[in-house]
Amino acid sequence: MRSVGVRELRQNASRYLREVKRGETVEVTERGEPIARLVPIPEESTYERLMAEGRIRPGKGSLLDLGPPLEPEPGERPLSEILEEMRADER
């Protein structure tokens, strides 16, 4: 982490902001004492972006409220059985 005094920051703000933009953290000092930190803004996660765009909504209720799993159609195998086989094949 780079440390810079208030006067130096004021005189060369663009230079230090470019460093922050590249991912560096800059600590600002006044008379040798840290008073602030310039840090890059974290990247927004896909979840946060989709929420902000209104493309997804937070879930309501609990997954426990879904009830028991559906029974397979006659003549079909349960999904859990198929998954067990697939996992065994991967080992």
N, C-alpha and C. Protein backbone atom coordinates (compact mmCIF):
# COMPACT_ATOMS: atom_id res chain seq x y z
N MET A 1 0.86 -1.17 0.00
CA MET A 1 0.00 0.00 0.00
C MET A 1 0.91 1.23 0.00
N ARG A 2 0.59 2.15 -0.86
CA ARG A 2 1.36 3.37 -0.98
C ARG A 2 0.82 4.42 -0.02
N SER A 3 1.71 5.24 0.55
CA SER A 3 1.31 6.29 1.48
C SER A 3 1.69 7.64 0.87
N VAL A 4 0.78 8.62 0.98
CA VAL A 4 1.03 9.93 0.38
C VAL A 4 0.47 11.01 1.31
N GLY A 5 1.18 12.11 1.40
CA GLY A 5 0.72 13.24 2.21
C GLY A 5 -0.38 14.02 1.50
N VAL A 6 -1.12 14.79 2.29
CA VAL A 6 -2.24 15.57 1.74
C VAL A 6 -1.76 16.52 0.65
N ARG A 7 -0.66 17.23 0.88
CA ARG A 7 -0.18 18.20 -0.10
C ARG A 7 0.22 17.51 -1.40
N GLU A 8 0.95 16.40 -1.28
CA GLU A 8 1.36 15.64 -2.47
C GLU A 8 0.14 15.14 -3.23
N LEU A 9 -0.86 14.67 -2.51
CA LEU A 9 -2.09 14.19 -3.15
C LEU A 9 -2.78 15.33 -3.89
N ARG A 10 -2.86 16.49 -3.25
CA ARG A 10 -3.52 17.64 -3.88
C ARG A 10 -2.79 18.04 -5.17
N GLN A 11 -1.47 18.01 -5.14
CA GLN A 11 -0.70 18.43 -6.30
C GLN A 11 -0.69 17.39 -7.43
N ASN A 12 -0.87 16.12 -7.08
CA ASN A 12 -0.78 15.05 -8.08
C ASN A 12 -1.97 14.10 -7.99
N ALA A 13 -3.15 14.65 -7.79
CA ALA A 13 -4.35 13.82 -7.59
C ALA A 13 -4.59 12.86 -8.76
N SER A 14 -4.42 13.33 -9.97
CA SER A 14 -4.68 12.49 -11.14
C SER A 14 -3.78 11.26 -11.14
N ARG A 15 -2.52 11.44 -10.79
CA ARG A 15 -1.58 10.33 -10.77
C ARG A 15 -2.02 9.27 -9.77
N TYR A 16 -2.40 9.70 -8.57
CA TYR A 16 -2.80 8.75 -7.53
C TYR A 16 -4.14 8.09 -7.85
N LEU A 17 -5.03 8.83 -8.48
CA LEU A 17 -6.31 8.23 -8.87
C LEU A 17 -6.12 7.19 -9.97
N ARG A 18 -5.14 7.40 -10.84
CA ARG A 18 -4.83 6.38 -11.85
C ARG A 18 -4.34 5.10 -11.18
N GLU A 19 -3.53 5.26 -10.13
CA GLU A 19 -3.04 4.09 -9.39
C GLU A 19 -4.20 3.33 -8.76
N VAL A 20 -5.13 4.07 -8.17
CA VAL A 20 -6.30 3.45 -7.54
C VAL A 20 -7.13 2.74 -8.61
N LYS A 21 -7.27 3.37 -9.76
CA LYS A 21 -8.03 2.77 -10.86
C LYS A 21 -7.40 1.45 -11.30
N ARG A 22 -6.07 1.34 -11.20
CA ARG A 22 -5.37 0.10 -11.57
C ARG A 22 -5.46 -0.96 -10.46
N GLY A 23 -6.11 -0.61 -9.34
CA GLY A 23 -6.28 -1.60 -8.27
C GLY A 23 -5.44 -1.36 -7.04
N GLU A 24 -4.61 -0.32 -7.04
CA GLU A 24 -3.77 -0.03 -5.88
C GLU A 24 -4.57 0.69 -4.80
N THR A 25 -4.12 0.56 -3.56
CA THR A 25 -4.70 1.30 -2.44
C THR A 25 -3.71 2.39 -2.05
N VAL A 26 -4.20 3.60 -1.83
CA VAL A 26 -3.34 4.72 -1.45
C VAL A 26 -3.81 5.23 -0.09
N GLU A 27 -2.88 5.26 0.87
CA GLU A 27 -3.19 5.79 2.20
C GLU A 27 -2.79 7.26 2.23
N VAL A 28 -3.69 8.09 2.71
CA VAL A 28 -3.44 9.53 2.77
C VAL A 28 -3.07 9.88 4.20
N THR A 29 -1.97 10.64 4.34
CA THR A 29 -1.51 11.02 5.68
C THR A 29 -1.51 12.53 5.84
N GLU A 30 -1.62 12.95 7.08
CA GLU A 30 -1.51 14.37 7.43
C GLU A 30 -0.54 14.44 8.60
N ARG A 31 0.58 15.10 8.34
CA ARG A 31 1.67 15.18 9.33
C ARG A 31 2.10 13.78 9.79
N GLY A 32 2.14 12.85 8.82
CA GLY A 32 2.61 11.50 9.10
C GLY A 32 1.57 10.55 9.67
N GLU A 33 0.38 11.05 10.00
CA GLU A 33 -0.68 10.21 10.56
C GLU A 33 -1.69 9.84 9.48
N PRO A 34 -2.03 8.57 9.35
CA PRO A 34 -3.03 8.18 8.34
C PRO A 34 -4.39 8.79 8.66
N ILE A 35 -5.02 9.38 7.64
CA ILE A 35 -6.35 9.98 7.84
C ILE A 35 -7.39 9.43 6.86
N ALA A 36 -6.94 8.81 5.79
CA ALA A 36 -7.90 8.30 4.80
C ALA A 36 -7.22 7.24 3.94
N ARG A 37 -8.05 6.49 3.23
CA ARG A 37 -7.56 5.49 2.29
C ARG A 37 -8.35 5.61 1.00
N LEU A 38 -7.65 5.66 -0.11
CA LEU A 38 -8.29 5.63 -1.42
C LEU A 38 -8.21 4.19 -1.91
N VAL A 39 -9.36 3.57 -2.11
CA VAL A 39 -9.39 2.17 -2.53
C VAL A 39 -10.24 2.03 -3.78
N PRO A 40 -9.93 1.05 -4.63
CA PRO A 40 -10.74 0.84 -5.83
C PRO A 40 -12.14 0.38 -5.45
N ILE A 41 -13.11 0.73 -6.26
CA ILE A 41 -14.48 0.27 -6.05
C ILE A 41 -14.52 -1.20 -6.47
N PRO A 42 -15.04 -2.07 -5.61
CA PRO A 42 -15.07 -3.49 -5.97
C PRO A 42 -15.99 -3.74 -7.16
N GLU A 43 -15.62 -4.74 -7.95
CA GLU A 43 -16.44 -5.13 -9.09
C GLU A 43 -17.79 -5.62 -8.59
N GLU A 44 -18.83 -5.29 -9.30
CA GLU A 44 -20.17 -5.72 -8.94
C GLU A 44 -20.33 -7.19 -9.35
N SER A 45 -20.88 -8.00 -8.45
CA SER A 45 -21.09 -9.41 -8.78
C SER A 45 -22.23 -9.54 -9.80
N THR A 46 -22.28 -10.68 -10.45
CA THR A 46 -23.35 -10.93 -11.42
C THR A 46 -24.70 -10.82 -10.74
N TYR A 47 -24.80 -11.37 -9.54
CA TYR A 47 -26.05 -11.31 -8.78
C TYR A 47 -26.47 -9.86 -8.54
N GLU A 48 -25.53 -9.02 -8.07
CA GLU A 48 -25.84 -7.61 -7.81
C GLU A 48 -26.26 -6.88 -9.09
N ARG A 49 -25.56 -7.19 -10.19
CA ARG A 49 -25.89 -6.53 -11.46
C ARG A 49 -27.29 -6.92 -11.93
N LEU A 50 -27.62 -8.20 -11.86
CA LEU A 50 -28.95 -8.65 -12.29
C LEU A 50 -30.04 -8.08 -11.39
N MET A 51 -29.77 -7.95 -10.10
CA MET A 51 -30.73 -7.34 -9.18
C MET A 51 -30.95 -5.87 -9.57
N ALA A 52 -29.86 -5.15 -9.81
CA ALA A 52 -29.95 -3.73 -10.16
C ALA A 52 -30.70 -3.53 -11.47
N GLU A 53 -30.54 -4.45 -12.41
CA GLU A 53 -31.22 -4.36 -13.70
C GLU A 53 -32.68 -4.80 -13.61
N GLY A 54 -33.06 -5.36 -12.48
CA GLY A 54 -34.43 -5.84 -12.32
C GLY A 54 -34.71 -7.15 -13.04
N ARG A 55 -33.66 -7.86 -13.43
CA ARG A 55 -33.84 -9.12 -14.16
C ARG A 55 -34.08 -10.30 -13.22
N ILE A 56 -33.71 -10.14 -11.94
CA ILE A 56 -34.02 -11.16 -10.94
C ILE A 56 -34.55 -10.46 -9.70
N ARG A 57 -35.25 -11.23 -8.87
CA ARG A 57 -35.77 -10.70 -7.62
C ARG A 57 -35.33 -11.63 -6.49
N PRO A 58 -35.20 -11.09 -5.28
CA PRO A 58 -34.85 -11.96 -4.17
C PRO A 58 -35.99 -12.95 -3.91
N GLY A 59 -35.63 -14.13 -3.48
CA GLY A 59 -36.63 -15.15 -3.19
C GLY A 59 -37.49 -14.77 -2.01
N LYS A 60 -38.68 -15.34 -1.97
CA LYS A 60 -39.60 -15.12 -0.85
C LYS A 60 -39.83 -16.46 -0.19
N GLY A 61 -39.95 -16.47 1.10
CA GLY A 61 -40.23 -17.71 1.80
C GLY A 61 -38.98 -18.55 1.98
N SER A 62 -39.21 -19.81 2.26
CA SER A 62 -38.13 -20.74 2.55
C SER A 62 -38.20 -21.92 1.59
N LEU A 63 -37.05 -22.48 1.29
CA LEU A 63 -37.03 -23.68 0.45
C LEU A 63 -37.74 -24.83 1.14
N LEU A 64 -37.81 -24.78 2.47
CA LEU A 64 -38.49 -25.84 3.21
C LEU A 64 -40.00 -25.82 2.96
N ASP A 65 -40.52 -24.69 2.47
CA ASP A 65 -41.95 -24.57 2.19
C ASP A 65 -42.34 -25.23 0.87
N LEU A 66 -41.39 -25.73 0.12
CA LEU A 66 -41.69 -26.31 -1.19
C LEU A 66 -42.45 -27.63 -1.09
N GLY A 67 -42.31 -28.32 -0.01
CA GLY A 67 -42.99 -29.60 0.13
C GLY A 67 -42.11 -30.75 -0.33
N PRO A 68 -42.66 -31.96 -0.27
CA PRO A 68 -41.86 -33.13 -0.65
C PRO A 68 -41.61 -33.16 -2.16
N PRO A 69 -40.54 -33.85 -2.57
CA PRO A 69 -40.26 -33.95 -4.01
C PRO A 69 -41.37 -34.69 -4.74
N LEU A 70 -41.54 -34.38 -6.00
CA LEU A 70 -42.54 -35.06 -6.83
C LEU A 70 -42.08 -36.48 -7.13
N GLU A 71 -43.03 -37.36 -7.24
CA GLU A 71 -42.73 -38.75 -7.60
C GLU A 71 -42.48 -38.82 -9.10
N PRO A 72 -41.57 -39.72 -9.52
CA PRO A 72 -41.33 -39.86 -10.96
C PRO A 72 -42.55 -40.45 -11.67
N GLU A 73 -42.66 -40.15 -12.93
CA GLU A 73 -43.74 -40.71 -13.75
C GLU A 73 -43.58 -42.23 -13.81
N PRO A 74 -44.67 -42.96 -14.01
CA PRO A 74 -44.57 -44.42 -14.13
C PRO A 74 -43.58 -44.82 -15.22
N GLY A 75 -42.69 -45.74 -14.90
CA GLY A 75 -41.69 -46.20 -15.86
C GLY A 75 -40.41 -45.39 -15.85
N GLU A 76 -40.37 -44.27 -15.12
CA GLU A 76 -39.16 -43.44 -15.05
C GLU A 76 -38.46 -43.67 -13.72
N ARG A 77 -37.14 -43.50 -13.74
CA ARG A 77 -36.35 -43.65 -12.51
C ARG A 77 -36.30 -42.33 -11.76
N PRO A 78 -36.17 -42.39 -10.44
CA PRO A 78 -36.03 -41.14 -9.67
C PRO A 78 -34.74 -40.42 -10.04
N LEU A 79 -34.78 -39.11 -10.02
CA LEU A 79 -33.62 -38.30 -10.36
C LEU A 79 -32.45 -38.61 -9.44
N SER A 80 -32.73 -38.84 -8.15
CA SER A 80 -31.65 -39.13 -7.20
C SER A 80 -30.87 -40.37 -7.62
N GLU A 81 -31.56 -41.36 -8.16
CA GLU A 81 -30.91 -42.59 -8.61
C GLU A 81 -30.00 -42.30 -9.81
N ILE A 82 -30.49 -41.50 -10.73
CA ILE A 82 -29.71 -41.13 -11.92
C ILE A 82 -28.46 -40.35 -11.50
N LEU A 83 -28.62 -39.42 -10.57
CA LEU A 83 -27.48 -38.63 -10.11
C LEU A 83 -26.45 -39.51 -9.41
N GLU A 84 -26.89 -40.46 -8.61
CA GLU A 84 -25.97 -41.39 -7.95
C GLU A 84 -25.12 -42.13 -8.97
N GLU A 85 -25.76 -42.62 -10.03
CA GLU A 85 -25.03 -43.33 -11.08
C GLU A 85 -24.00 -42.41 -11.76
N MET A 86 -24.41 -41.19 -12.06
CA MET A 86 -23.51 -40.25 -12.73
C MET A 86 -22.30 -39.95 -11.85
N ARG A 87 -22.53 -39.77 -10.56
CA ARG A 87 -21.43 -39.48 -9.63
C ARG A 87 -20.50 -40.68 -9.50
N ALA A 88 -21.08 -41.89 -9.49
CA ALA A 88 -20.26 -43.10 -9.40
C ALA A 88 -19.38 -43.23 -10.65
N ASP A 89 -19.92 -42.87 -11.81
CA ASP A 89 -19.16 -42.95 -13.06
C ASP A 89 -18.00 -41.96 -13.08
N GLU A 90 -18.13 -40.83 -12.38
CA GLU A 90 -17.09 -39.81 -12.35
C GLU A 90 -15.91 -40.22 -11.48
N ARG A 91 -16.13 -41.13 -10.57
CA ARG A 91 -15.06 -41.53 -9.62
C ARG A 91 -14.09 -42.45 -10.23
